Amino acid sequence: MDYALNQVRFHELGEDRGEAELLNRAITEGLHDDSILSNVEHERQEIVSLVKKKARYWRFREDVLDAYGYACTACGTQLDLVEAAHIIPVAEPRSHDSIANGLALCVLHHTAYDKAIIAFNPEYQVLYSNSALEMLRRENLADRSEEFLDMLNKDMLLPDETACYPDKDYLERGMQIRNWQG
């Protein structure tokens, strides 16, 4: 199968005597050091794959960001660093692309939310996980955690229209799905 996938490249190698000699030396001497092949010019390989994805509503991102004024609900940052995050993740069977299942989060807080470092409760408060931070401290991965916590709002920044608020049941379910531990 390797030959079938790479036959063009294999045949091209034979055209350049210098490359062929390098490869022959690597094979005969059993050298597996990449530095031997560093002189061989090659193009980055491409992979063709079949991907199965959940269909998503094309306006979810725009609708959520517009509702939140393009500001992070956890810290208020805009700076074109804000993403639309799902409260109930896309991978979950009951997830959907309504504004009530979305939050505007800057890239930092989106990742922290998905890793259950922060959460949002049904009272629209921004929470942080002492247990997650303690685990990160034990692994020496919590430098500047105090600055991280200082930038969090106590309460979520919510959309102007109450119809666009995150659903309280979804917030609760989002905490469960992420195995939130305070």
C-alpha atoms as a PDB file:
ATOM      1  CA  MET A   1       0.000   0.000   0.000  1.00  0.00           C
ATOM      2  CA  ASP A   2       2.882   2.375   0.781  1.00  0.00           C
ATOM      3  CA  TYR A   3       4.192   1.855  -2.732  1.00  0.00           C
ATOM      4  CA  ALA A   4       0.786   2.524  -4.284  1.00  0.00           C
ATOM      5  CA  LEU A   5       0.344   5.720  -2.295  1.00  0.00           C
ATOM      6  CA  ASN A   6       3.872   6.973  -2.874  1.00  0.00           C
ATOM      7  CA  GLN A   7       4.854   5.540  -6.253  1.00  0.00           C
ATOM      8  CA  VAL A   8       5.323   8.925  -7.893  1.00  0.00           C
ATOM      9  CA  ARG A   9       7.707  10.031  -5.146  1.00  0.00           C
ATOM     10  CA  PHE A  10       9.587   6.712  -5.204  1.00  0.00           C
ATOM     11  CA  HIS A  11      10.186   7.064  -8.918  1.00  0.00           C
ATOM     12  CA  GLU A  12      11.191  10.704  -8.599  1.00  0.00           C
ATOM     13  CA  LEU A  13      13.876   9.727  -6.072  1.00  0.00           C
ATOM     14  CA  GLY A  14      15.551   7.538  -8.637  1.00  0.00           C
ATOM     15  CA  GLU A  15      15.934  10.470 -11.016  1.00  0.00           C
ATOM     16  CA  ASP A  16      18.350  12.357  -8.764  1.00  0.00           C
ATOM     17  CA  ARG A  17      21.563  10.353  -8.333  1.00  0.00           C
ATOM     18  CA  GLY A  18      22.571  12.216  -5.164  1.00  0.00           C
ATOM     19  CA  GLU A  19      19.267  11.517  -3.451  1.00  0.00           C
ATOM     20  CA  ALA A  20      19.385   7.876  -4.507  1.00  0.00           C
ATOM     21  CA  GLU A  21      22.906   7.491  -3.061  1.00  0.00           C
ATOM     22  CA  LEU A  22      21.845   9.054   0.254  1.00  0.00           C
ATOM     23  CA  LEU A  23      18.844   6.772   0.528  1.00  0.00           C
ATOM     24  CA  ASN A  24      20.880   3.707  -0.448  1.00  0.00           C
ATOM     25  CA  ARG A  25      23.469   4.575   2.225  1.00  0.00           C
ATOM     26  CA  ALA A  26      20.757   5.009   4.845  1.00  0.00           C
ATOM     27  CA  ILE A  27      19.249   1.630   3.966  1.00  0.00           C
ATOM     28  CA  THR A  28      22.478  -0.386   3.669  1.00  0.00           C
ATOM     29  CA  GLU A  29      24.071   1.096   6.790  1.00  0.00           C
ATOM     30  CA  GLY A  30      20.839   0.831   8.774  1.00  0.00           C
ATOM     31  CA  LEU A  31      20.910   4.513   9.571  1.00  0.00           C
ATOM     32  CA  HIS A  32      17.642   5.900  10.767  1.00  0.00           C
ATOM     33  CA  ASP A  33      18.921   9.339  11.618  1.00  0.00           C
ATOM     34  CA  ASP A  34      16.775  11.970   9.933  1.00  0.00           C
ATOM     35  CA  SER A  35      19.823  14.192   9.424  1.00  0.00           C
ATOM     36  CA  ILE A  36      20.978  11.918   6.560  1.00  0.00           C
ATOM     37  CA  LEU A  37      17.788  12.645   4.716  1.00  0.00           C
ATOM     38  CA  SER A  38      17.826  16.373   5.476  1.00  0.00           C
ATOM     39  CA  ASN A  39      19.552  17.005   2.134  1.00  0.00           C
ATOM     40  CA  VAL A  40      16.806  15.217   0.232  1.00  0.00           C
ATOM     41  CA  GLU A  41      14.337  17.716  -1.125  1.00  0.00           C
ATOM     42  CA  HIS A  42      10.747  16.657  -0.740  1.00  0.00           C
ATOM     43  CA  GLU A  43       7.337  18.176  -0.728  1.00  0.00           C
ATOM     44  CA  ARG A  44       5.107  18.022   2.317  1.00  0.00           C
ATOM     45  CA  GLN A  45       2.926  14.971   2.049  1.00  0.00           C
ATOM     46  CA  GLU A  46      -0.789  15.377   1.630  1.00  0.00           C
ATOM     47  CA  ILE A  47      -3.396  13.102   3.111  1.00  0.00           C
ATOM     48  CA  VAL A  48      -6.870  12.662   1.717  1.00  0.00           C
ATOM     49  CA  SER A  49      -9.366  11.600   4.360  1.00  0.00           C
ATOM     50  CA  LEU A  50     -13.037  11.099   4.822  1.00  0.00           C
ATOM     51  CA  VAL A  51     -14.406  12.990   7.819  1.00  0.00           C
ATOM     52  CA  LYS A  52     -17.782  12.587   9.460  1.00  0.00           C
ATOM     53  CA  LYS A  53     -18.982  15.791  11.137  1.00  0.00           C
ATOM     54  CA  LYS A  54     -22.186  16.893  12.790  1.00  0.00           C
ATOM     55  CA  ALA A  55     -24.150  19.317  10.635  1.00  0.00           C
ATOM     56  CA  ARG A  56     -24.304  22.734  12.210  1.00  0.00           C
ATOM     57  CA  TYR A  57     -26.400  25.823  11.668  1.00  0.00           C
ATOM     58  CA  TRP A  58     -24.269  28.196   9.640  1.00  0.00           C
ATOM     59  CA  ARG A  59     -25.404  31.309  11.557  1.00  0.00           C
ATOM     60  CA  PHE A  60     -24.719  29.993  15.092  1.00  0.00           C
ATOM     61  CA  ARG A  61     -21.423  31.858  15.435  1.00  0.00           C
ATOM     62  CA  GLU A  62     -22.773  35.152  14.110  1.00  0.00           C
ATOM     63  CA  ASP A  63     -25.977  34.956  16.155  1.00  0.00           C
ATOM     64  CA  VAL A  64     -24.184  34.215  19.435  1.00  0.00           C
ATOM     65  CA  LEU A  65     -21.441  36.805  18.967  1.00  0.00           C
ATOM     66  CA  ASP A  66     -23.953  39.433  17.907  1.00  0.00           C
ATOM     67  CA  ALA A  67     -26.123  38.715  20.976  1.00  0.00           C
ATOM     68  CA  TYR A  68     -23.116  39.202  23.280  1.00  0.00           C
ATOM     69  CA  GLY A  69     -21.805  42.268  21.459  1.00  0.00           C
ATOM     70  CA  TYR A  70     -18.692  40.309  20.450  1.00  0.00           C
ATOM     71  CA  ALA A  71     -17.501  40.383  24.100  1.00  0.00           C
ATOM     72  CA  CYS A  72     -16.433  37.431  26.230  1.00  0.00           C
ATOM     73  CA  THR A  73     -19.067  36.608  28.832  1.00  0.00           C
ATOM     74  CA  ALA A  74     -16.321  35.669  31.332  1.00  0.00           C
ATOM     75  CA  CYS A  75     -14.026  38.706  31.064  1.00  0.00           C
ATOM     76  CA  GLY A  76     -15.467  41.242  28.609  1.00  0.00           C
ATOM     77  CA  THR A  77     -12.602  40.984  26.090  1.00  0.00           C
ATOM     78  CA  GLN A  78     -13.401  41.778  22.481  1.00  0.00           C
ATOM     79  CA  LEU A  79     -10.289  42.305  20.313  1.00  0.00           C
ATOM     80  CA  ASP A  80     -11.644  39.917  17.655  1.00  0.00           C
ATOM     81  CA  LEU A  81     -10.600  37.031  19.937  1.00  0.00           C
ATOM     82  CA  VAL A  82     -14.120  35.902  20.820  1.00  0.00           C
ATOM     83  CA  GLU A  83     -15.669  32.622  19.711  1.00  0.00           C
ATOM     84  CA  ALA A  84     -19.116  31.112  19.924  1.00  0.00           C
ATOM     85  CA  ALA A  85     -18.974  28.193  22.357  1.00  0.00           C
ATOM     86  CA  HIS A  86     -21.603  25.523  22.824  1.00  0.00           C
ATOM     87  CA  ILE A  87     -22.851  25.016  26.369  1.00  0.00           C
ATOM     88  CA  ILE A  88     -23.926  21.481  25.518  1.00  0.00           C
ATOM     89  CA  PRO A  89     -21.064  20.381  23.248  1.00  0.00           C
ATOM     90  CA  VAL A  90     -21.679  19.504  19.606  1.00  0.00           C
ATOM     91  CA  ALA A  91     -20.611  15.903  20.272  1.00  0.00           C
ATOM     92  CA  GLU A  92     -23.534  15.408  22.661  1.00  0.00           C
ATOM     93  CA  PRO A  93     -26.666  13.896  21.083  1.00  0.00           C
ATOM     94  CA  ARG A  94     -28.979  16.638  22.412  1.00  0.00           C
ATOM     95  CA  SER A  95     -26.793  19.572  21.389  1.00  0.00           C
ATOM     96  CA  HIS A  96     -28.182  22.171  19.003  1.00  0.00           C
ATOM     97  CA  ASP A  97     -27.210  25.498  17.538  1.00  0.00           C
ATOM     98  CA  SER A  98     -29.587  27.924  19.231  1.00  0.00           C
ATOM     99  CA  ILE A  99     -28.422  31.114  20.925  1.00  0.00           C
ATOM    100  CA  ALA A 100     -29.691  29.670  24.236  1.00  0.00           C
ATOM    101  CA  ASN A 101     -27.038  26.932  23.876  1.00  0.00           C
ATOM    102  CA  GLY A 102     -24.252  29.385  23.099  1.00  0.00           C
ATOM    103  CA  LEU A 103     -21.806  31.583  24.946  1.00  0.00           C
ATOM    104  CA  ALA A 104     -19.422  34.197  23.607  1.00  0.00           C
ATOM    105  CA  LEU A 105     -15.997  33.347  25.031  1.00  0.00           C
ATOM    106  CA  CYS A 106     -12.511  34.630  24.246  1.00  0.00           C
ATOM    107  CA  VAL A 107     -10.148  31.887  23.109  1.00  0.00           C
ATOM    108  CA  LEU A 108      -8.568  31.615  26.569  1.00  0.00           C
ATOM    109  CA  HIS A 109     -11.864  31.228  28.417  1.00  0.00           C
ATOM    110  CA  HIS A 110     -13.331  28.954  25.748  1.00  0.00           C
ATOM    111  CA  THR A 111     -10.489  26.503  26.351  1.00  0.00           C
ATOM    112  CA  ALA A 112     -10.726  26.937  30.128  1.00  0.00           C
ATOM    113  CA  TYR A 113     -14.471  26.223  29.903  1.00  0.00           C
ATOM    114  CA  ASP A 114     -13.994  23.079  27.826  1.00  0.00           C
ATOM    115  CA  LYS A 115     -11.344  21.885  30.323  1.00  0.00           C
ATOM    116  CA  ALA A 116     -13.677  22.597  33.288  1.00  0.00           C
ATOM    117  CA  ILE A 117     -11.306  25.171  34.780  1.00  0.00           C
ATOM    118  CA  ILE A 118     -14.178  27.651  34.671  1.00  0.00           C
ATOM    119  CA  ALA A 119     -17.928  27.168  34.514  1.00  0.00           C
ATOM    120  CA  PHE A 120     -21.141  29.177  34.414  1.00  0.00           C
ATOM    121  CA  ASN A 121     -23.940  28.298  36.780  1.00  0.00           C
ATOM    122  CA  PRO A 122     -27.722  28.785  36.373  1.00  0.00           C
ATOM    123  CA  GLU A 123     -27.472  31.967  38.470  1.00  0.00           C
ATOM    124  CA  TYR A 124     -25.266  33.390  35.684  1.00  0.00           C
ATOM    125  CA  GLN A 125     -22.148  33.480  37.842  1.00  0.00           C
ATOM    126  CA  VAL A 126     -18.631  32.819  36.588  1.00  0.00           C
ATOM    127  CA  LEU A 127     -17.045  30.033  38.632  1.00  0.00           C
ATOM    128  CA  TYR A 128     -13.532  28.644  38.768  1.00  0.00           C
ATOM    129  CA  SER A 129     -12.490  25.193  39.878  1.00  0.00           C
ATOM    130  CA  ASN A 130     -10.146  25.085  42.855  1.00  0.00           C
ATOM    131  CA  SER A 131      -9.692  21.355  42.291  1.00  0.00           C
ATOM    132  CA  ALA A 132      -8.666  21.838  38.626  1.00  0.00           C
ATOM    133  CA  LEU A 133      -6.263  24.625  39.591  1.00  0.00           C
ATOM    134  CA  GLU A 134      -4.797  22.522  42.414  1.00  0.00           C
ATOM    135  CA  MET A 135      -4.203  19.648  40.001  1.00  0.00           C
ATOM    136  CA  LEU A 136      -2.453  22.050  37.603  1.00  0.00           C
ATOM    137  CA  ARG A 137      -0.333  23.396  40.473  1.00  0.00           C
ATOM    138  CA  ARG A 138       0.803  19.859  41.345  1.00  0.00           C
ATOM    139  CA  GLU A 139       1.897  19.457  37.709  1.00  0.00           C
ATOM    140  CA  ASN A 140       3.651  22.858  37.728  1.00  0.00           C
ATOM    141  CA  LEU A 141       1.198  24.141  35.114  1.00  0.00           C
ATOM    142  CA  ALA A 142      -0.450  26.930  37.088  1.00  0.00           C
ATOM    143  CA  ASP A 143       1.932  29.871  36.794  1.00  0.00           C
ATOM    144  CA  ARG A 144       0.053  33.157  36.748  1.00  0.00           C
ATOM    145  CA  SER A 145      -3.187  31.503  37.837  1.00  0.00           C
ATOM    146  CA  GLU A 146      -3.889  34.466  40.128  1.00  0.00           C
ATOM    147  CA  GLU A 147      -3.798  36.830  37.137  1.00  0.00           C
ATOM    148  CA  PHE A 148      -6.074  34.435  35.273  1.00  0.00           C
ATOM    149  CA  LEU A 149      -8.582  34.498  38.150  1.00  0.00           C
ATOM    150  CA  ASP A 150      -8.328  38.284  38.526  1.00  0.00           C
ATOM    151  CA  MET A 151      -9.511  38.820  34.955  1.00  0.00           C
ATOM    152  CA  LEU A 152     -12.716  36.794  35.491  1.00  0.00           C
ATOM    153  CA  ASN A 153     -15.960  38.631  36.116  1.00  0.00           C
ATOM    154  CA  LYS A 154     -17.972  37.574  39.153  1.00  0.00           C
ATOM    155  CA  ASP A 155     -21.124  37.505  37.045  1.00  0.00           C
ATOM    156  CA  MET A 156     -21.493  36.671  33.372  1.00  0.00           C
ATOM    157  CA  LEU A 157     -21.806  39.478  30.874  1.00  0.00           C
ATOM    158  CA  LEU A 158     -25.189  38.696  29.336  1.00  0.00           C
ATOM    159  CA  PRO A 159     -26.862  39.738  26.092  1.00  0.00           C
ATOM    160  CA  ASP A 160     -29.035  42.874  26.134  1.00  0.00           C
ATOM    161  CA  GLU A 161     -32.078  40.809  25.152  1.00  0.00           C
ATOM    162  CA  THR A 162     -33.255  38.351  27.806  1.00  0.00           C
ATOM    163  CA  ALA A 163     -34.534  36.088  25.006  1.00  0.00           C
ATOM    164  CA  CYS A 164     -30.853  35.501  24.113  1.00  0.00           C
ATOM    165  CA  TYR A 165     -29.736  34.541  27.641  1.00  0.00           C
ATOM    166  CA  PRO A 166     -28.203  31.093  28.001  1.00  0.00           C
ATOM    167  CA  ASP A 167     -30.735  28.499  29.100  1.00  0.00           C
ATOM    168  CA  LYS A 168     -30.287  27.737  32.815  1.00  0.00           C
ATOM    169  CA  ASP A 169     -30.896  24.012  32.305  1.00  0.00           C
ATOM    170  CA  TYR A 170     -28.227  23.971  29.591  1.00  0.00           C
ATOM    171  CA  LEU A 171     -25.748  25.674  31.927  1.00  0.00           C
ATOM    172  CA  GLU A 172     -26.431  23.019  34.565  1.00  0.00           C
ATOM    173  CA  ARG A 173     -26.123  20.229  31.997  1.00  0.00           C
ATOM    174  CA  GLY A 174     -22.914  21.769  30.614  1.00  0.00           C
ATOM    175  CA  MET A 175     -21.369  21.573  34.088  1.00  0.00           C
ATOM    176  CA  GLN A 176     -22.359  17.903  34.372  1.00  0.00           C
ATOM    177  CA  ILE A 177     -21.028  17.001  30.927  1.00  0.00           C
ATOM    178  CA  ARG A 178     -17.672  18.617  31.720  1.00  0.00           C
ATOM    179  CA  ASN A 179     -17.535  16.863  35.119  1.00  0.00           C
ATOM    180  CA  TRP A 180     -17.353  20.202  36.892  1.00  0.00           C
ATOM    181  CA  GLN A 181     -15.778  20.129  40.329  1.00  0.00           C
ATOM    182  CA  GLY A 182     -15.627  23.415  42.173  1.00  0.00           C
END
